[in-house]
Amino acid sequence: MSSPSLLVRHEFLLRRLHSLTGLVPVGAYMVVHLMVNSTLLTGVSVFQRNVYQIHSLEDALVIVEWAFIFLPILFHAILGVVIAYGGLPNLRSYPQSANYRYVLQRATGLIAFAFIVYHVFHLHGWFHAQWWLDYVAKPLGGANFRAYNAASTLGEAMASPVILVVYSVGVLACVFHLANGIWSMGITWGVWTSPAAQHRALVGCGVFGVLLAVVGMSSLFGVATVDIDEARMVEDRMYNVRVESGDVKENEKKRAADRSERETSRRSEDGSAVVSQLE
């Protein structure tokens, strides 16, 4: 007779750690992340100041990212897939709203995880090692974000309508998964136990989800409508002022190539393509 699996042996602990990491730090980080991104609507300089504040952690930022963001996300996502695999949806037999939310919770969890993996690669390339960025991430279309040219590089990276659609679906999936997950977490931890309390919590989580969805869509709207050239000028002025004052260390890796370099690179690529066709 085979021994029970790890999930079965420690189901009580693992399920509570799963729900807890979904709220803190993963859920809390997502809320802050969307709120910071939405400040782009108030102006490029405001958004850039927020990014400077985040990157003021310098080398410690990598440790913070992995310890409090990436590892908890991986734990929550992998365990979530295991839990979802063992679930038995019964919409055909019991087509109640709770069962629809049950199925959507698991579906949006899978979508959210796939989106986060893509999002981190698309903007940051997954890893910060220069060889990885130069020979893997950038050739595959990743690592497009530059912290000291935050708004303009976001605008360039998300100029395609297809990418905006992908981000819209991904953000909405993350928002639903968090809002509905808070409701189910309250049941798991015994916060709301009576039907009346659960109904009130459901309404509250629904309102929270709608508001967060508005914030998320606002951030995407801000990115889609940013004037890249104007944003680049504002960002470069802010960078020069901060370097001169000593608030920021010079770091060209966190800056985007200027217009002349980008145009030279583009012409070189176009010329290579023409030569290749002639050959």
Protein backbone atom coordinates (compact mmCIF):
# COMPACT_ATOMS: atom_id res chain seq x y z
CA MET A 1 0.00 0.00 0.00
CA SER A 2 1.47 3.37 -1.08
CA SER A 3 2.06 6.08 1.50
CA PRO A 4 -0.13 9.23 1.32
CA SER A 5 1.19 12.18 -0.65
CA LEU A 6 2.80 15.23 0.92
CA LEU A 7 -0.38 17.24 0.33
CA VAL A 8 -2.50 14.65 2.08
CA ARG A 9 -0.10 14.33 5.03
CA HIS A 10 0.14 18.09 5.58
CA GLU A 11 -3.06 19.29 3.94
CA PHE A 12 -4.16 21.54 6.83
CA LEU A 13 -0.85 23.43 6.96
CA LEU A 14 -0.26 23.63 3.21
CA ARG A 15 -3.73 24.91 2.39
CA ARG A 16 -3.44 27.64 4.98
CA LEU A 17 0.01 28.64 3.76
CA HIS A 18 -1.41 28.65 0.25
CA SER A 19 -4.25 31.00 1.19
CA LEU A 20 -1.95 33.17 3.32
CA THR A 21 0.67 33.67 0.59
CA GLY A 22 -2.15 34.52 -1.81
CA LEU A 23 -2.99 37.51 0.38
CA VAL A 24 0.42 38.42 1.83
CA PRO A 25 2.73 39.08 0.14
CA VAL A 26 1.42 38.19 -3.35
CA GLY A 27 -1.95 39.93 -3.18
CA ALA A 28 -0.66 42.94 -1.27
CA TYR A 29 2.17 43.36 -3.78
CA MET A 30 -0.24 43.21 -6.71
CA VAL A 31 -2.40 45.96 -5.22
CA VAL A 32 0.62 48.21 -4.64
CA HIS A 33 2.01 47.39 -8.09
CA LEU A 34 -1.20 48.34 -9.87
CA MET A 35 -1.61 51.51 -7.80
CA VAL A 36 1.95 52.63 -8.56
CA ASN A 37 1.44 51.96 -12.27
CA SER A 38 -1.82 53.91 -12.28
CA THR A 39 0.08 57.04 -11.13
CA LEU A 40 1.25 57.32 -14.73
CA LEU A 41 -2.13 58.96 -15.38
CA THR A 42 -1.08 61.85 -13.12
CA GLY A 43 2.11 62.45 -15.09
CA VAL A 44 5.39 60.91 -16.18
CA SER A 45 7.35 62.68 -13.45
CA VAL A 46 5.12 61.31 -10.67
CA PHE A 47 5.41 57.78 -12.00
CA GLN A 48 9.17 58.08 -12.45
CA ARG A 49 9.61 59.33 -8.88
CA ASN A 50 7.78 56.25 -7.61
CA VAL A 51 10.05 54.00 -9.67
CA TYR A 52 13.14 55.81 -8.32
CA GLN A 53 11.88 55.17 -4.80
CA ILE A 54 11.55 51.44 -5.50
CA HIS A 55 14.99 51.22 -7.10
CA SER A 56 16.61 53.15 -4.27
CA LEU A 57 17.01 49.69 -2.69
CA GLU A 58 19.74 49.14 -5.33
CA ASP A 59 21.39 45.70 -4.91
CA ALA A 60 18.95 44.70 -2.16
CA LEU A 61 16.09 44.95 -4.66
CA VAL A 62 16.94 41.53 -6.14
CA ILE A 63 16.80 39.93 -2.69
CA VAL A 64 13.48 41.62 -1.91
CA GLU A 65 12.03 40.55 -5.26
CA TRP A 66 12.91 36.89 -4.82
CA ALA A 67 12.23 36.60 -1.08
CA PHE A 68 8.93 38.49 -0.96
CA ILE A 69 7.54 38.29 -4.51
CA PHE A 70 8.84 35.56 -6.82
CA LEU A 71 9.28 32.68 -4.36
CA PRO A 72 5.86 33.24 -2.70
CA ILE A 73 4.27 33.46 -6.17
CA LEU A 74 5.93 30.20 -7.22
CA PHE A 75 4.84 28.46 -4.01
CA HIS A 76 1.26 29.73 -4.32
CA ALA A 77 1.05 28.89 -8.04
CA ILE A 78 2.58 25.40 -7.89
CA LEU A 79 0.49 24.37 -4.89
CA GLY A 80 -2.55 25.95 -6.53
CA VAL A 81 -2.05 23.80 -9.64
CA VAL A 82 -1.84 20.69 -7.44
CA ILE A 83 -5.03 21.65 -5.60
CA ALA A 84 -6.83 22.48 -8.85
CA TYR A 85 -5.77 19.14 -10.36
CA GLY A 86 -7.40 17.33 -7.45
CA GLY A 87 -10.62 19.37 -7.60
CA LEU A 88 -13.87 18.01 -8.95
CA PRO A 89 -16.01 20.75 -10.53
CA ASN A 90 -19.69 19.85 -10.73
CA LEU A 91 -21.27 22.70 -12.67
CA ARG A 92 -23.49 20.38 -14.68
CA SER A 93 -25.05 18.87 -11.58
CA TYR A 94 -25.05 22.00 -9.41
CA PRO A 95 -24.97 25.16 -11.59
CA GLN A 96 -24.98 27.55 -8.62
CA SER A 97 -22.99 30.79 -8.49
CA ALA A 98 -20.64 29.34 -5.85
CA ASN A 99 -19.66 26.56 -8.23
CA TYR A 100 -19.06 29.05 -11.03
CA ARG A 101 -16.76 31.02 -8.74
CA TYR A 102 -15.02 27.75 -7.79
CA VAL A 103 -14.25 27.00 -11.44
CA LEU A 104 -13.33 30.61 -12.25
CA GLN A 105 -11.00 30.75 -9.26
CA ARG A 106 -8.98 27.86 -10.60
CA ALA A 107 -9.14 28.98 -14.23
CA THR A 108 -8.07 32.54 -13.42
CA GLY A 109 -5.30 31.15 -11.22
CA LEU A 110 -3.82 29.29 -14.18
CA ILE A 111 -4.25 32.32 -16.45
CA ALA A 112 -2.74 34.63 -13.84
CA PHE A 113 0.32 32.43 -13.36
CA ALA A 114 0.94 32.17 -17.11
CA PHE A 115 0.51 35.93 -17.42
CA ILE A 116 2.90 36.71 -14.57
CA VAL A 117 5.57 34.44 -16.09
CA TYR A 118 5.15 36.24 -19.43
CA HIS A 119 4.95 39.71 -17.83
CA VAL A 120 8.17 39.29 -15.84
CA PHE A 121 10.00 38.00 -18.92
CA HIS A 122 8.56 40.63 -21.25
CA LEU A 123 9.60 43.56 -19.06
CA HIS A 124 12.46 42.23 -16.91
CA GLY A 125 13.78 39.09 -18.62
CA TRP A 126 13.35 36.89 -15.48
CA PHE A 127 17.01 37.14 -14.40
CA HIS A 128 19.37 40.12 -14.07
CA ALA A 129 22.58 38.41 -15.20
CA GLN A 130 23.93 40.39 -18.16
CA TRP A 131 24.79 37.32 -20.24
CA TRP A 132 21.22 36.08 -19.84
CA LEU A 133 19.76 39.45 -20.83
CA ASP A 134 22.07 39.84 -23.86
CA TYR A 135 21.92 36.31 -25.29
CA VAL A 136 18.53 34.98 -24.16
CA ALA A 137 16.01 37.54 -22.94
CA LYS A 138 16.52 40.41 -25.39
CA PRO A 139 16.80 38.24 -28.54
CA LEU A 140 13.50 36.60 -27.54
CA GLY A 141 11.74 39.95 -27.06
CA GLY A 142 12.10 40.21 -23.29
CA ALA A 143 13.70 42.63 -20.81
CA ASN A 144 12.13 45.75 -22.36
CA PHE A 145 11.75 47.83 -19.19
CA ARG A 146 14.35 50.37 -18.06
CA ALA A 147 13.84 51.74 -14.57
CA TYR A 148 15.26 55.20 -15.29
CA ASN A 149 13.08 55.55 -18.42
CA ALA A 150 10.07 53.84 -16.92
CA ALA A 151 7.09 55.35 -18.74
CA SER A 152 8.68 55.55 -22.18
CA THR A 153 10.02 52.00 -22.17
CA LEU A 154 6.67 50.70 -20.94
CA GLY A 155 4.99 52.57 -23.77
CA GLU A 156 7.39 51.07 -26.32
CA ALA A 157 7.09 47.57 -24.88
CA MET A 158 3.28 47.66 -24.97
CA ALA A 159 2.73 49.51 -28.24
CA SER A 160 1.17 46.44 -29.85
CA PRO A 161 -2.64 46.08 -29.46
CA VAL A 162 -2.13 42.32 -29.06
CA ILE A 163 0.14 42.84 -26.06
CA LEU A 164 -2.38 45.26 -24.53
CA VAL A 165 -5.11 42.63 -24.90
CA VAL A 166 -2.88 40.01 -23.27
CA TYR A 167 -2.16 42.38 -20.38
CA SER A 168 -5.84 43.28 -20.00
CA VAL A 169 -6.87 39.62 -19.76
CA GLY A 170 -3.99 38.87 -17.41
CA VAL A 171 -4.68 41.79 -15.08
CA LEU A 172 -8.41 41.02 -14.88
CA ALA A 173 -7.65 37.36 -14.16
CA CYS A 174 -5.29 38.39 -11.35
CA VAL A 175 -7.88 40.78 -9.92
CA PHE A 176 -10.69 38.21 -9.89
CA HIS A 177 -8.40 35.55 -8.43
CA LEU A 178 -7.39 37.88 -5.59
CA ALA A 179 -10.85 39.26 -4.82
CA ASN A 180 -12.56 35.87 -4.84
CA GLY A 181 -9.57 34.35 -3.06
CA ILE A 182 -9.97 36.79 -0.17
CA TRP A 183 -13.58 35.64 0.22
CA SER A 184 -12.63 31.95 0.24
CA MET A 185 -9.68 32.68 2.54
CA GLY A 186 -12.09 34.17 5.07
CA ILE A 187 -13.97 30.88 5.11
CA THR A 188 -10.77 28.83 5.34
CA TRP A 189 -9.60 30.84 8.35
CA GLY A 190 -13.01 31.05 9.97
CA VAL A 191 -13.36 34.82 9.64
CA TRP A 192 -16.91 34.69 8.25
CA THR A 193 -18.83 31.53 9.07
CA SER A 194 -22.53 32.35 8.99
CA PRO A 195 -24.43 32.68 5.68
CA ALA A 196 -25.14 36.34 6.41
CA ALA A 197 -21.48 37.09 7.13
CA GLN A 198 -20.40 35.24 4.00
CA HIS A 199 -22.87 37.23 1.90
CA ARG A 200 -21.60 40.54 3.29
CA ALA A 201 -18.03 39.44 2.67
CA LEU A 202 -18.91 38.44 -0.89
CA VAL A 203 -20.33 41.90 -1.57
CA GLY A 204 -17.29 43.57 -0.03
CA CYS A 205 -14.86 41.42 -2.02
CA GLY A 206 -16.87 42.14 -5.18
CA VAL A 207 -16.62 45.89 -4.65
CA PHE A 208 -12.91 45.56 -3.91
CA GLY A 209 -12.44 43.55 -7.12
CA VAL A 210 -14.28 46.11 -9.25
CA LEU A 211 -12.25 49.00 -7.81
CA LEU A 212 -8.97 47.15 -8.29
CA ALA A 213 -9.97 46.26 -11.86
CA VAL A 214 -10.55 49.97 -12.53
CA VAL A 215 -7.09 50.76 -11.14
CA GLY A 216 -5.54 48.02 -13.28
CA MET A 217 -7.25 49.13 -16.47
CA SER A 218 -6.34 52.74 -15.69
CA SER A 219 -2.68 51.80 -15.50
CA LEU A 220 -2.90 50.09 -18.90
CA PHE A 221 -4.67 53.12 -20.34
CA GLY A 222 -1.90 55.34 -19.02
CA VAL A 223 0.74 53.16 -20.68
CA ALA A 224 -1.18 52.99 -23.97
CA THR A 225 -1.58 56.77 -24.20
CA VAL A 226 1.85 57.91 -23.04
CA ASP A 227 3.76 60.20 -25.42
CA ILE A 228 7.01 58.27 -25.64
CA ASP A 229 9.23 61.11 -26.91
CA GLU A 230 7.91 63.61 -24.37
CA ALA A 231 8.20 61.04 -21.59
CA ARG A 232 11.79 60.30 -22.59
CA MET A 233 12.72 63.97 -22.31
CA VAL A 234 11.15 64.27 -18.84
CA GLU A 235 12.85 61.07 -17.66
CA ASP A 236 16.27 62.13 -18.97
CA ARG A 237 16.01 65.52 -17.26
CA MET A 238 15.07 63.85 -13.98
CA TYR A 239 17.95 61.42 -14.33
CA ASN A 240 20.51 64.15 -15.00
CA VAL A 241 19.29 66.22 -12.04
CA ARG A 242 19.41 63.24 -9.68
CA VAL A 243 22.87 62.18 -10.84
CA GLU A 244 24.22 65.71 -10.40
CA SER A 245 22.72 65.94 -6.92
CA GLY A 246 24.10 62.54 -5.95
CA ASP A 247 20.68 61.02 -5.28
CA VAL A 248 21.18 58.45 -8.06
CA LYS A 249 24.32 56.67 -9.21
CA GLU A 250 24.98 56.62 -12.92
CA ASN A 251 23.72 53.35 -14.34
CA GLU A 252 23.33 53.10 -18.11
CA LYS A 253 21.91 49.57 -17.82
CA LYS A 254 18.78 51.08 -16.28
CA ARG A 255 18.41 53.61 -19.08
CA ALA A 256 17.04 53.26 -22.59
CA ALA A 257 19.07 53.94 -25.70
CA ASP A 258 18.60 57.48 -26.98
CA ARG A 259 16.80 58.25 -30.23
CA SER A 260 19.93 58.33 -32.41
CA GLU A 261 21.10 54.95 -31.12
CA ARG A 262 17.65 53.42 -31.63
CA GLU A 263 17.40 54.83 -35.17
CA THR A 264 20.92 53.60 -36.01
CA SER A 265 20.06 50.15 -34.67
CA ARG A 266 16.79 50.08 -36.62
CA ARG A 267 18.48 51.17 -39.88
CA SER A 268 21.19 48.59 -39.36
CA GLU A 269 18.59 45.85 -38.88
CA ASP A 270 16.67 47.03 -41.95
CA GLY A 271 19.87 47.12 -44.00
CA SER A 272 20.85 43.63 -42.87
CA ALA A 273 17.42 42.39 -43.89
CA VAL A 274 17.78 43.93 -47.37
CA VAL A 275 21.25 42.45 -47.87
CA SER A 276 19.95 39.07 -46.74
CA GLN A 277 17.13 39.25 -49.30
CA LEU A 278 19.54 40.23 -52.10
CA GLU A 279 21.81 37.35 -51.26
